[in-house]
Amino acid sequence: MTKAEFLHSFTLLREIILDFLDSPESESIIGKACRASALENNFFTLPMQKFALRAIAEKFLSDDALEYLSKAEAVEKKVGIIMAGNIPAVGFLDLLCALACGCKAMVKLSSKDRYLIPALCGSIGERCDNLKRPISESVLFSDSKEGLADFFNGVDPILFSGSDDSASSVLSEFPETRKLLRGSRFSFAVVTGDESDEELAGLASDILLYCGLGCRSVSYLLVPDGYDFERLKTALLSVGNHLEVDRIGPFHNMVARNRAVAALSERLSHGGVIKKGEMADCGCILLENSPEPFPPLGVVRFCYYDNIDMPEIFERTNIESVQKKYTTFGNAQRPEIYEWPDGVNIINFLCSK
């Protein structure tokens, strides 16, 4: 795929995605993929998939983003990509960068997200039949759990996203291959207490979108001593209703389970300051006062701070696990092209030796 073909193909894909979002019930390749994904993965509701697709179209496929990517050095490598499946099409950026560099991409799809990214590529192939190298020759997909070593024969490097345990497996399976491993991370937000209702709604969205499963989602809060959570609870309930998270069975069940456990162990707060170890019920999610990051599904953790240095200390203490610190809210899952996962520029990594 030449640079001109790259720009043409992915500018067209942006238009295809935006057209689909105007009529999501269409029989297009993307529409069928979204319905198949929703049936197979309870977390991939149509609204959640639509949000992910819009973020891709408006951020990664904007004119500025594509122009930036098109300036990448052509390296024509064979790249292995192991994609996560925590949020819809989460591996798209890795694939986009590989194609921008002229690489052939060998893509191992997550079993939780098997349809959406192949459908995006299929949409390009359906509309761009005059490419010197059809996109089907530039990307090969596999959703098999077996034979990864054979599928990745000759690749260099490997781009991986997933859990720390899975990263360890890749490390041991491909010891001689250069790798970019992105493992378990979390993001946190610093609350001042002066937020407007609109800002709190943005924070609630950053917490609840994708049920908090994305590493950019806010799963931990730093709040000032004596912080009154009532307005944030109201925002969480409103946004949760809008996103219909109560209709997502596994998420709803985990919230109910954690609520029951907290009640039985007498750790359910009944208002005022939430003591360490206690949980507060926000209806669609629980708040827990705990120093430990990586809360269970259906819980967002927090701690109080009493000096302006504590957020910086918290970030330094957890620097190996932090994806992002937020002081403004509402766009956690709409990163710009330069907001690289784990802070590593994928283009530079692919072009280096």
Protein backbone atom coordinates (compact mmCIF):
# COMPACT_ATOMS: atom_id res chain seq x y z
CA MET A 1 0.00 0.00 0.00
CA THR A 2 1.57 3.27 -1.12
CA LYS A 3 1.34 6.45 0.96
CA ALA A 4 -1.29 7.84 -1.42
CA GLU A 5 -3.27 4.62 -1.22
CA PHE A 6 -3.02 4.68 2.58
CA LEU A 7 -4.44 8.19 2.74
CA HIS A 8 -7.19 7.39 0.24
CA SER A 9 -8.16 4.10 1.91
CA PHE A 10 -8.44 5.38 5.45
CA THR A 11 -10.03 8.69 4.52
CA LEU A 12 -12.66 6.56 2.81
CA LEU A 13 -12.95 4.34 5.89
CA ARG A 14 -13.70 7.42 7.99
CA GLU A 15 -16.58 8.25 5.65
CA ILE A 16 -17.80 4.64 5.73
CA ILE A 17 -17.82 4.60 9.53
CA LEU A 18 -19.64 7.93 9.81
CA ASP A 19 -22.20 6.77 7.23
CA PHE A 20 -22.76 3.62 9.27
CA LEU A 21 -23.25 5.63 12.47
CA ASP A 22 -26.05 7.53 10.75
CA SER A 23 -27.80 4.23 9.96
CA PRO A 24 -26.47 1.53 12.33
CA GLU A 25 -29.18 -0.97 11.39
CA SER A 26 -27.83 -1.20 7.85
CA GLU A 27 -26.82 -4.48 6.23
CA SER A 28 -23.30 -3.20 5.65
CA ILE A 29 -20.24 -5.25 6.60
CA ILE A 30 -19.78 -3.12 9.71
CA GLY A 31 -23.44 -3.43 10.71
CA LYS A 32 -23.34 -7.21 10.49
CA ALA A 33 -20.09 -7.29 12.46
CA CYS A 34 -21.53 -5.12 15.23
CA ARG A 35 -24.55 -7.38 15.59
CA ALA A 36 -22.37 -10.50 15.64
CA SER A 37 -20.11 -8.90 18.28
CA ALA A 38 -23.07 -7.92 20.45
CA LEU A 39 -24.38 -11.49 20.36
CA GLU A 40 -21.01 -12.98 21.27
CA ASN A 41 -19.80 -10.44 23.83
CA ASN A 42 -22.34 -8.99 26.28
CA PHE A 43 -20.13 -5.97 26.91
CA PHE A 44 -20.13 -4.97 23.24
CA THR A 45 -23.55 -3.37 23.11
CA LEU A 46 -24.38 -1.41 19.98
CA PRO A 47 -24.03 1.97 21.81
CA MET A 48 -20.59 0.94 23.11
CA GLN A 49 -19.44 -0.16 19.65
CA LYS A 50 -20.81 3.02 18.08
CA PHE A 51 -18.85 5.15 20.54
CA ALA A 52 -15.64 3.24 19.76
CA LEU A 53 -16.16 3.59 16.01
CA ARG A 54 -16.88 7.32 16.28
CA ALA A 55 -13.71 7.84 18.31
CA ILE A 56 -11.69 5.97 15.65
CA ALA A 57 -13.23 8.00 12.82
CA GLU A 58 -12.87 11.38 14.49
CA LYS A 59 -9.50 10.92 16.18
CA PHE A 60 -7.37 8.27 14.45
CA LEU A 61 -8.79 8.87 10.96
CA SER A 62 -8.94 12.66 11.02
CA ASP A 63 -7.15 14.50 8.21
CA ASP A 64 -4.41 15.64 10.62
CA ALA A 65 -3.90 12.16 12.09
CA LEU A 66 -3.71 10.47 8.70
CA GLU A 67 -1.37 13.12 7.33
CA TYR A 68 0.90 12.57 10.33
CA LEU A 69 0.85 8.78 9.91
CA SER A 70 1.45 9.00 6.16
CA LYS A 71 4.84 10.59 6.81
CA ALA A 72 6.07 7.44 8.55
CA GLU A 73 9.14 5.78 7.08
CA ALA A 74 8.32 2.82 4.83
CA VAL A 75 9.95 -0.22 6.43
CA GLU A 76 7.96 -3.06 4.82
CA LYS A 77 8.31 -5.44 7.75
CA LYS A 78 6.14 -8.38 8.64
CA VAL A 79 4.57 -7.38 11.94
CA GLY A 80 2.75 -9.60 14.41
CA ILE A 81 -0.12 -7.94 16.29
CA ILE A 82 -1.80 -9.58 19.28
CA MET A 83 -4.97 -7.66 20.03
CA ALA A 84 -6.84 -7.29 23.29
CA GLY A 85 -10.61 -7.65 23.50
CA ASN A 86 -11.55 -5.48 26.46
CA ILE A 87 -13.18 -2.71 24.41
CA PRO A 88 -14.44 -2.68 20.80
CA ALA A 89 -11.73 -2.47 18.11
CA VAL A 90 -9.10 -1.62 20.71
CA GLY A 91 -6.31 -2.97 18.47
CA PHE A 92 -7.15 -0.74 15.51
CA LEU A 93 -4.37 1.78 16.21
CA ASP A 94 -1.66 -0.90 16.07
CA LEU A 95 -2.96 -2.08 12.70
CA LEU A 96 -3.27 1.47 11.36
CA CYS A 97 0.33 2.25 12.32
CA ALA A 98 1.62 -0.98 10.78
CA LEU A 99 -0.08 -0.19 7.47
CA ALA A 100 1.14 3.41 7.58
CA CYS A 101 4.69 2.03 7.71
CA GLY A 102 4.10 -0.25 4.74
CA CYS A 103 4.22 -3.39 6.87
CA LYS A 104 2.34 -6.62 6.35
CA ALA A 105 0.25 -7.22 9.47
CA MET A 106 -0.32 -10.69 10.91
CA VAL A 107 -3.19 -10.04 13.33
CA LYS A 108 -4.14 -12.41 16.14
CA LEU A 109 -7.66 -11.32 17.08
CA SER A 110 -9.06 -11.61 20.58
CA SER A 111 -11.78 -14.23 20.94
CA LYS A 112 -13.87 -11.44 22.49
CA ASP A 113 -13.56 -9.13 19.47
CA ARG A 114 -13.38 -11.25 16.31
CA TYR A 115 -15.55 -9.32 13.89
CA LEU A 116 -15.19 -5.56 14.05
CA ILE A 117 -11.65 -4.90 12.81
CA PRO A 118 -11.87 -7.44 9.95
CA ALA A 119 -15.12 -5.70 8.96
CA LEU A 120 -13.38 -2.32 8.86
CA CYS A 121 -10.71 -3.74 6.57
CA GLY A 122 -13.37 -5.52 4.53
CA SER A 123 -15.17 -2.21 4.04
CA ILE A 124 -12.01 -0.73 2.53
CA GLY A 125 -11.56 -3.74 0.25
CA GLU A 126 -15.18 -3.50 -0.87
CA ARG A 127 -14.81 0.14 -1.89
CA CYS A 128 -11.16 0.23 -3.03
CA ASP A 129 -10.69 -2.44 -5.67
CA ASN A 130 -7.97 -0.56 -7.56
CA LEU A 131 -5.18 -0.69 -4.98
CA LYS A 132 -1.82 -1.97 -6.23
CA ARG A 133 -1.73 -4.17 -3.16
CA PRO A 134 -5.27 -4.97 -1.95
CA ILE A 135 -5.69 -4.60 1.78
CA SER A 136 -6.37 -8.35 1.96
CA GLU A 137 -2.73 -8.84 0.94
CA SER A 138 -1.52 -6.43 3.61
CA VAL A 139 -3.47 -7.89 6.55
CA LEU A 140 -3.99 -11.50 7.56
CA PHE A 141 -6.29 -12.30 10.49
CA SER A 142 -6.47 -15.32 12.78
CA ASP A 143 -8.82 -15.92 15.70
CA SER A 144 -7.46 -19.39 16.46
CA LYS A 145 -6.06 -20.06 19.92
CA GLU A 146 -3.67 -22.63 18.48
CA GLY A 147 -0.66 -22.38 16.21
CA LEU A 148 0.39 -18.83 17.07
CA ALA A 149 4.07 -19.67 16.55
CA ASP A 150 3.33 -20.89 13.00
CA PHE A 151 1.09 -17.91 12.25
CA PHE A 152 3.82 -15.52 13.46
CA ASN A 153 6.62 -17.28 11.59
CA GLY A 154 9.04 -14.64 10.34
CA VAL A 155 7.42 -11.63 12.04
CA ASP A 156 9.51 -8.85 13.58
CA PRO A 157 8.43 -7.11 15.71
CA ILE A 158 5.38 -8.14 17.75
CA LEU A 159 2.89 -5.60 19.12
CA PHE A 160 1.01 -6.98 22.13
CA SER A 161 -1.84 -5.61 24.25
CA GLY A 162 -3.42 -7.56 27.10
CA SER A 163 -2.90 -8.65 30.68
CA ASP A 164 0.44 -9.01 32.43
CA ASP A 165 -0.03 -12.80 32.53
CA SER A 166 -0.60 -12.96 28.77
CA ALA A 167 2.39 -10.68 28.20
CA SER A 168 4.57 -13.13 30.15
CA SER A 169 3.37 -15.95 27.91
CA VAL A 170 4.28 -14.00 24.77
CA LEU A 171 7.66 -13.15 26.26
CA SER A 172 8.46 -16.82 26.82
CA GLU A 173 6.97 -18.03 23.52
CA PHE A 174 8.90 -15.53 21.36
CA PRO A 175 12.14 -14.91 23.29
CA GLU A 176 14.18 -13.82 20.27
CA THR A 177 11.60 -11.56 18.63
CA ARG A 178 11.56 -7.83 19.33
CA LYS A 179 8.36 -6.98 21.18
CA LEU A 180 6.30 -4.05 22.36
CA LEU A 181 4.37 -5.43 25.32
CA ARG A 182 1.53 -3.36 26.78
CA GLY A 183 0.21 -5.09 29.93
CA SER A 184 -2.17 -4.29 32.77
CA ARG A 185 -2.60 -0.55 33.40
CA PHE A 186 -5.11 1.73 35.11
CA SER A 187 -6.01 5.41 34.92
CA PHE A 188 -6.97 7.78 37.71
CA ALA A 189 -8.63 11.15 38.06
CA VAL A 190 -7.88 14.02 40.44
CA VAL A 191 -11.07 15.64 41.75
CA THR A 192 -10.92 19.11 43.32
CA GLY A 193 -14.51 19.44 44.53
CA ASP A 194 -15.10 22.50 42.34
CA GLU A 195 -16.31 20.56 39.28
CA SER A 196 -19.45 21.66 37.48
CA ASP A 197 -22.30 19.25 36.84
CA GLU A 198 -21.10 18.98 33.23
CA GLU A 199 -17.58 18.07 34.34
CA LEU A 200 -18.93 15.46 36.75
CA ALA A 201 -20.99 13.97 33.92
CA GLY A 202 -17.77 13.75 31.90
CA LEU A 203 -16.03 12.00 34.79
CA ALA A 204 -18.95 9.59 35.14
CA SER A 205 -18.63 8.78 31.44
CA ASP A 206 -14.89 8.21 31.84
CA ILE A 207 -15.71 5.72 34.62
CA LEU A 208 -18.66 3.87 33.08
CA LEU A 209 -17.96 3.79 29.34
CA TYR A 210 -17.11 0.19 28.33
CA CYS A 211 -18.03 -0.69 31.95
CA GLY A 212 -14.60 0.59 32.97
CA LEU A 213 -12.79 -2.23 31.14
CA GLY A 214 -10.43 0.01 29.16
CA CYS A 215 -7.04 0.91 30.64
CA ARG A 216 -7.82 4.56 29.80
CA SER A 217 -11.08 4.35 31.76
CA VAL A 218 -11.00 5.99 35.18
CA SER A 219 -10.94 3.27 37.82
CA TYR A 220 -9.42 5.27 40.67
CA LEU A 221 -10.21 8.69 42.14
CA LEU A 222 -8.30 11.07 44.36
CA VAL A 223 -10.77 13.32 46.17
CA PRO A 224 -10.20 16.06 48.76
CA ASP A 225 -10.75 15.35 52.44
CA GLY A 226 -14.41 15.57 53.37
CA TYR A 227 -15.53 15.38 49.75
CA ASP A 228 -19.31 15.13 49.33
CA PHE A 229 -19.98 12.38 46.77
CA GLU A 230 -23.69 13.14 46.28
CA ARG A 231 -23.32 15.14 43.06
CA LEU A 232 -20.95 12.56 41.60
CA LYS A 233 -23.38 9.78 42.57
CA THR A 234 -26.14 11.64 40.72
CA ALA A 235 -23.92 11.98 37.66
CA LEU A 236 -22.97 8.30 37.74
CA LEU A 237 -26.61 7.23 37.97
CA SER A 238 -27.60 9.51 35.08
CA VAL A 239 -24.75 8.44 32.79
CA GLY A 240 -25.23 4.79 33.78
CA ASN A 241 -28.87 4.99 32.75
CA HIS A 242 -27.89 6.63 29.46
CA LEU A 243 -25.33 3.91 28.72
CA GLU A 244 -27.76 1.23 29.93
CA VAL A 245 -25.06 -0.50 31.95
CA ASP A 246 -27.72 -2.21 34.07
CA ARG A 247 -28.70 -4.15 30.95
CA ILE A 248 -25.20 -5.59 30.60
CA GLY A 249 -25.65 -8.83 32.50
CA PRO A 250 -22.09 -9.58 33.69
CA PHE A 251 -21.57 -5.99 34.85
CA HIS A 252 -24.95 -5.74 36.61
CA ASN A 253 -24.38 -9.10 38.30
CA MET A 254 -20.95 -8.07 39.60
CA VAL A 255 -22.32 -4.82 41.01
CA ALA A 256 -25.08 -6.77 42.76
CA ARG A 257 -22.61 -9.34 44.08
CA ASN A 258 -20.19 -6.70 45.42
CA ARG A 259 -23.10 -4.81 46.98
CA ALA A 260 -24.31 -7.95 48.75
CA VAL A 261 -20.82 -8.83 50.01
CA ALA A 262 -20.32 -5.28 51.32
CA ALA A 263 -23.70 -5.36 53.08
CA LEU A 264 -23.08 -8.78 54.68
CA SER A 265 -19.65 -7.69 55.90
CA GLU A 266 -21.12 -4.39 57.17
CA ARG A 267 -18.89 -2.37 54.84
CA LEU A 268 -21.69 -0.51 53.10
CA SER A 269 -21.52 3.21 53.90
CA HIS A 270 -24.70 5.03 54.86
CA GLY A 271 -23.61 8.57 54.04
CA GLY A 272 -21.07 11.16 55.06
CA VAL A 273 -17.37 10.41 54.95
CA ILE A 274 -16.74 6.95 53.53
CA LYS A 275 -14.32 5.18 55.85
CA LYS A 276 -11.38 3.11 54.65
CA GLY A 277 -12.62 -0.28 53.49
CA GLU A 278 -16.22 0.92 53.12
CA MET A 279 -18.26 1.02 49.93
CA ALA A 280 -20.89 3.52 48.82
CA ASP A 281 -23.75 2.44 46.56
CA CYS A 282 -24.19 4.62 43.45
CA GLY A 283 -26.87 2.41 41.95
CA CYS A 284 -25.03 1.36 38.80
CA ILE A 285 -21.56 1.12 40.38
CA LEU A 286 -19.93 1.05 43.81
CA LEU A 287 -17.37 3.43 45.30
CA GLU A 288 -14.74 1.88 47.59
CA ASN A 289 -12.29 3.67 49.85
CA SER A 290 -9.14 1.64 49.23
CA PRO A 291 -5.47 2.40 48.54
CA GLU A 292 -5.24 -0.46 46.05
CA PRO A 293 -5.68 0.21 42.29
CA PHE A 294 -7.19 -2.32 39.86
CA PRO A 295 -10.65 -2.65 41.45
CA PRO A 296 -12.97 -5.52 40.54
CA LEU A 297 -15.58 -5.07 37.83
CA GLY A 298 -18.40 -2.80 38.99
CA VAL A 299 -16.26 -0.88 41.50
CA VAL A 300 -14.30 2.36 41.29
CA ARG A 301 -11.85 2.94 44.12
CA PHE A 302 -10.73 6.19 45.70
CA CYS A 303 -8.75 7.77 48.49
CA TYR A 304 -8.92 11.16 50.17
CA TYR A 305 -6.04 13.61 49.90
CA ASP A 306 -5.20 16.46 52.25
CA ASN A 307 -2.35 18.18 50.41
CA ILE A 308 -1.70 19.23 46.82
CA ASP A 309 1.35 16.96 46.49
CA MET A 310 -0.49 13.70 47.09
CA PRO A 311 -1.71 13.18 43.48
CA GLU A 312 1.87 13.49 42.24
CA ILE A 313 3.09 11.10 44.96
CA PHE A 314 0.34 8.63 44.06
CA GLU A 315 1.34 8.76 40.39
CA ARG A 316 5.04 8.26 41.18
CA THR A 317 4.26 5.35 43.50
CA ASN A 318 2.25 3.59 40.78
CA ILE A 319 4.23 4.82 37.77
CA GLU A 320 4.69 1.33 36.29
CA SER A 321 0.94 0.72 36.31
CA VAL A 322 -0.54 4.13 35.42
CA GLN A 323 -1.82 4.65 31.89
CA LYS A 324 -3.14 8.20 32.37
CA LYS A 325 -3.83 10.84 35.00
CA TYR A 326 -6.88 13.01 34.31
CA THR A 327 -7.56 16.49 35.62
CA THR A 328 -10.11 17.28 32.90
CA PHE A 329 -12.93 14.90 32.15
CA GLY A 330 -15.09 13.50 29.38
CA ASN A 331 -12.58 12.35 26.76
CA ALA A 332 -10.74 9.46 28.40
CA GLN A 333 -11.75 7.08 25.62
CA ARG A 334 -11.21 9.59 22.81
CA PRO A 335 -7.40 9.82 22.76
CA GLU A 336 -5.56 11.83 20.16
CA ILE A 337 -3.25 10.01 17.77
CA TYR A 338 -0.19 11.15 19.75
CA GLU A 339 -1.51 9.84 23.09
CA TRP A 340 0.23 6.51 22.63
CA PRO A 341 -0.63 3.50 24.82
CA ASP A 342 1.91 3.29 27.66
CA GLY A 343 3.53 6.42 26.20
CA VAL A 344 5.41 4.46 23.51
CA ASN A 345 5.27 5.87 19.96
CA ILE A 346 4.20 2.88 17.83
CA ILE A 347 5.48 4.42 14.59
CA ASN A 348 8.95 5.01 16.05
CA PHE A 349 9.01 1.48 17.45
CA LEU A 350 8.07 -0.07 14.11
CA CYS A 351 10.68 1.99 12.26
CA SER A 352 13.51 1.24 14.68
CA LYS A 353 15.78 -1.79 14.38
